[in-house]
Protein backbone atom coordinates (compact mmCIF):
# COMPACT_ATOMS: atom_id res chain seq x y z
CA MET A 1 209.38 26.02 136.34
CA PRO A 2 209.12 25.32 139.65
CA ARG A 3 211.30 26.15 141.99
CA MET A 4 212.77 23.67 144.11
CA THR A 5 213.44 23.19 148.31
CA ARG A 6 214.73 20.83 150.70
CA ALA A 7 211.45 21.77 152.59
CA THR A 8 208.10 21.92 152.45
CA GLU A 9 207.12 25.98 153.65
CA LEU A 10 204.30 26.32 155.73
CA TYR A 11 202.43 29.39 155.56
CA PHE A 12 201.04 31.09 158.72
CA ASP A 13 199.40 33.00 160.93
CA PHE A 14 199.24 32.78 164.67
CA LEU A 15 195.39 34.94 164.03
CA CYS A 16 194.38 31.22 162.51
CA PRO A 17 192.99 27.76 164.64
CA TYR A 18 192.85 26.66 160.60
CA ALA A 19 197.00 26.74 161.10
CA TRP A 20 197.24 25.82 165.05
CA ARG A 21 196.01 22.34 163.50
CA GLY A 22 198.04 22.28 159.55
CA VAL A 23 201.25 23.47 162.03
CA GLU A 24 200.54 20.40 165.21
CA LEU A 25 200.42 18.50 162.07
CA ALA A 26 203.42 19.40 160.22
CA ALA A 27 205.25 19.30 163.34
CA VAL A 28 204.58 14.99 164.21
CA LEU A 29 205.35 14.73 160.95
CA LYS A 30 208.57 15.91 161.99
CA THR A 31 209.34 13.98 164.43
CA GLU A 32 208.78 10.78 161.27
CA GLY A 33 211.61 12.65 159.63
CA GLU A 34 209.21 14.82 156.64
CA ALA A 35 211.12 17.99 156.46
CA PHE A 36 208.98 21.74 156.84
CA THR A 37 210.23 24.93 157.05
CA LEU A 38 207.83 27.91 158.87
CA ARG A 39 207.25 30.47 156.86
CA HIS A 40 204.74 34.02 158.75
CA TYR A 41 201.61 35.28 155.89
CA SER A 42 199.45 37.81 157.47
CA LEU A 43 195.91 37.47 156.80
CA VAL A 44 194.96 41.05 158.43
CA GLU A 45 197.18 42.44 154.92
CA GLY A 46 196.39 39.91 152.32
CA ASN A 47 192.47 40.53 153.72
CA HIS A 48 193.20 44.59 153.83
CA ALA A 49 190.67 46.82 151.51
CA GLN A 50 193.55 49.02 150.45
CA ASN A 51 194.88 46.04 148.79
CA ALA A 52 192.22 44.60 146.72
CA LYS A 53 194.05 45.94 143.39
CA GLU A 54 197.79 46.57 144.20
CA LEU A 55 199.95 46.21 147.05
CA THR A 56 199.46 49.94 149.27
CA TRP A 57 199.08 48.89 152.41
CA ARG A 58 201.75 47.65 154.93
CA VAL A 59 201.40 45.24 158.05
CA THR A 60 205.31 46.42 158.55
CA ASP A 61 204.42 49.99 158.42
CA GLN A 62 201.84 49.67 161.75
CA SER A 63 202.67 50.86 164.95
CA LEU A 64 202.25 48.43 168.31
CA ASN A 65 201.51 51.84 169.65
CA ALA A 66 197.85 52.48 167.20
CA PRO A 67 194.88 52.49 168.66
CA ASP A 68 192.94 49.33 168.79
CA GLY A 69 190.34 48.92 165.79
CA GLU A 70 187.69 47.82 164.22
CA GLY A 71 185.82 44.96 162.24
CA TYR A 72 189.05 43.16 160.75
CA MET A 73 191.14 45.18 162.09
CA LYS A 74 191.33 44.74 165.66
CA TYR A 75 193.39 41.86 164.59
CA LEU A 76 196.39 43.93 163.71
CA LYS A 77 198.38 44.65 166.68
CA PRO A 78 197.53 40.94 168.18
CA GLY A 79 198.74 39.29 165.16
CA LEU A 80 201.82 41.86 164.28
CA ARG A 81 203.30 41.10 167.07
CA ALA A 82 203.08 37.98 167.41
CA PHE A 83 204.96 38.06 164.64
CA LEU A 84 208.32 39.56 166.00
CA ALA A 85 207.94 37.33 168.39
CA SER A 86 208.26 34.75 166.16
CA HIS A 87 210.90 35.80 163.93
CA ALA A 88 213.13 37.08 167.15
CA ALA A 89 212.52 33.01 168.49
CA ALA A 90 213.77 31.56 165.45
CA ARG A 91 217.65 34.03 165.74
CA GLN A 92 217.69 31.03 168.74
CA GLY A 93 217.26 27.93 165.84
CA ASP A 94 214.76 26.16 163.81
CA SER A 95 214.03 23.81 167.14
CA ALA A 96 212.75 27.03 169.21
CA HIS A 97 211.35 28.48 167.03
CA TRP A 98 208.75 25.49 166.10
CA ALA A 99 208.68 25.21 170.13
CA PHE A 100 207.83 28.89 170.77
CA THR A 101 205.28 29.09 166.96
CA LEU A 102 203.44 25.30 168.89
CA ALA A 103 203.17 27.27 172.56
CA LEU A 104 202.26 30.21 171.28
CA PHE A 105 199.50 28.24 168.50
CA ARG A 106 198.86 25.93 171.63
CA ALA A 107 197.89 29.42 174.59
CA HIS A 108 195.64 31.55 170.89
CA HIS A 109 193.70 28.51 170.43
CA GLU A 110 193.05 25.52 173.43
CA ARG A 111 193.25 28.24 176.36
CA LYS A 112 192.19 30.46 174.41
CA GLU A 113 194.46 33.48 175.47
CA PRO A 114 194.64 36.99 173.72
CA LEU A 115 198.12 37.44 172.00
CA THR A 116 199.52 39.87 174.57
CA ASP A 117 202.95 40.68 175.11
CA GLU A 118 202.34 38.50 178.87
CA ALA A 119 201.64 35.74 175.91
CA ILE A 120 204.27 35.49 173.98
CA HIS A 121 206.81 36.04 177.32
CA ALA A 122 205.25 32.14 178.99
CA ALA A 123 205.48 30.79 175.60
CA ALA A 124 209.39 31.97 175.32
CA GLN A 125 209.46 30.58 178.53
CA GLU A 126 207.72 26.85 178.03
CA ALA A 127 209.51 27.14 175.21
CA GLY A 128 212.91 26.76 176.86
CA LEU A 129 214.21 29.33 174.85
CA ASP A 130 216.43 31.65 176.63
CA LEU A 131 214.66 34.89 177.44
CA ASP A 132 217.55 37.58 177.59
CA VAL A 133 218.35 36.32 174.25
CA PHE A 134 214.70 36.32 172.17
CA ALA A 135 214.37 40.17 173.93
CA GLN A 136 217.64 41.67 173.11
CA ALA A 137 216.18 39.82 169.15
CA LEU A 138 212.69 41.34 170.43
CA ALA A 139 213.58 44.53 170.72
CA ASP A 140 215.72 44.82 167.57
CA ASP A 141 212.34 46.40 165.78
CA GLN A 142 213.42 47.50 162.58
CA ALA A 143 215.48 44.16 162.24
CA ARG A 144 212.64 42.20 162.68
CA ARG A 145 210.20 44.13 160.50
CA ALA A 146 212.41 43.49 157.96
CA GLU A 147 212.64 39.67 157.82
CA LEU A 148 208.87 39.60 158.25
CA ARG A 149 208.10 41.90 154.80
CA ALA A 150 210.25 39.25 153.21
CA GLU A 151 208.20 36.68 153.78
CA LEU A 152 205.32 38.37 153.33
CA ASP A 153 206.82 38.99 149.28
CA ALA A 154 208.15 35.70 148.77
CA ALA A 155 204.10 34.93 149.74
CA ARG A 156 202.78 37.08 147.75
CA GLU A 157 205.37 36.01 145.17
CA VAL A 158 204.11 32.18 145.79
CA GLY A 159 199.99 33.36 145.34
CA VAL A 160 199.46 32.29 148.88
CA PHE A 161 195.99 34.02 149.97
CA GLY A 162 195.07 31.62 153.66
CA THR A 163 196.75 29.84 156.12
CA PRO A 164 198.45 27.10 156.62
CA THR A 165 199.39 26.89 152.86
CA PHE A 166 201.62 23.90 152.11
CA VAL A 167 204.52 25.28 149.51
CA LEU A 168 205.85 21.09 148.21
CA PRO A 169 209.92 20.73 147.16
CA THR A 170 208.53 20.21 144.26
CA GLY A 171 206.95 23.74 143.14
CA GLU A 172 203.13 23.34 144.08
CA ALA A 173 201.39 24.99 146.51
CA ALA A 174 197.76 24.73 147.77
CA TYR A 175 195.59 26.43 150.93
CA TYR A 176 194.75 23.14 153.25
CA ARG A 177 191.69 23.31 155.40
CA PHE A 178 192.47 21.52 158.67
CA GLU A 179 188.32 21.58 160.72
CA THR A 180 189.98 18.39 162.75
CA LEU A 181 193.02 18.55 165.01
CA THR A 182 195.88 15.19 165.40
CA ARG A 183 198.87 14.66 166.85
CA GLU A 184 199.05 11.26 166.60
CA PRO A 185 200.89 9.96 163.62
CA THR A 186 199.30 7.42 161.52
CA GLN A 187 196.30 9.99 160.99
CA ALA A 188 198.84 12.99 160.70
CA ARG A 189 200.51 10.89 157.99
CA GLN A 190 197.32 9.17 156.58
CA TRP A 191 195.81 12.80 156.19
CA TRP A 192 199.50 14.63 154.91
CA ASP A 193 199.72 12.26 152.29
CA LEU A 194 195.98 12.73 150.79
CA TYR A 195 196.88 16.43 150.01
CA ARG A 196 200.27 15.63 149.08
CA ALA A 197 198.14 12.94 146.94
CA VAL A 198 195.77 15.18 145.03
CA LEU A 199 197.74 18.07 144.87
CA THR A 200 200.01 16.10 142.57
CA SER A 201 197.36 14.21 140.64
CA GLY A 202 197.37 14.74 137.07
CA ALA A 203 193.21 15.42 137.56
CA GLY A 204 194.29 19.19 138.51
CA ILE A 205 192.22 19.58 141.43
CA GLY A 206 191.93 23.06 142.16
CA THR A 207 189.16 23.77 144.73
CA ILE A 208 187.67 21.48 146.71
CA LYS A 209 184.42 22.35 148.80
CA ARG A 210 182.10 20.22 151.08
CA ALA A 211 178.43 21.37 150.71
CA ARG A 212 176.59 23.36 153.51
CA ASN A 213 174.26 20.21 154.57
CA ARG A 214 177.27 17.93 154.27
CA PRO A 215 179.59 18.90 157.14
CA PRO A 216 183.00 16.55 157.82
CA ARG A 217 182.56 13.45 159.87
CA ARG A 218 184.74 14.61 162.97
CA ALA A 219 186.42 11.63 164.60
């Protein structure tokens, strides 16, 4: 029996441009009265080779002082740093969390800034957070890691594998790869209604993937 929630859960990773577009769309819909809850999912943990058969490598066990990795592991520290900061921002309430998440996404994907401590501090300032409270929450590293670990466990129960993944209040869940950014309310509503129609359709559509020589139309 599907679980019932009051809001659509939105799983995201700051590393992912598709997740950025999904969060932007959700932010527009929130202003129109749609309810969303931000959740975190680590693409680094989800795609780690050691977790192919069972979960043995946890991003929350990793050090922010570790040497930079190679290949996909070069994203470990930036992604973890952003996640912990996101949980620290969430301590100041839902509005603060959304403001920080959007500010950091825009810094990273729109302005192409790396996910550094400086970028995180600037995003917190842009979001209007109490910077002293934010710093105190971020300094409680173990608590923030525990919060993140719990969310990643919840994501695994849902079966999240990519971002953004939306879990509807009625329990349906699916990854939605946004190729185009919108901040326009009417367009956002059209795209969201289409997504929900496909996800809840009795046709049981599991995959839609465009042919390589047929790219999506762009506005």
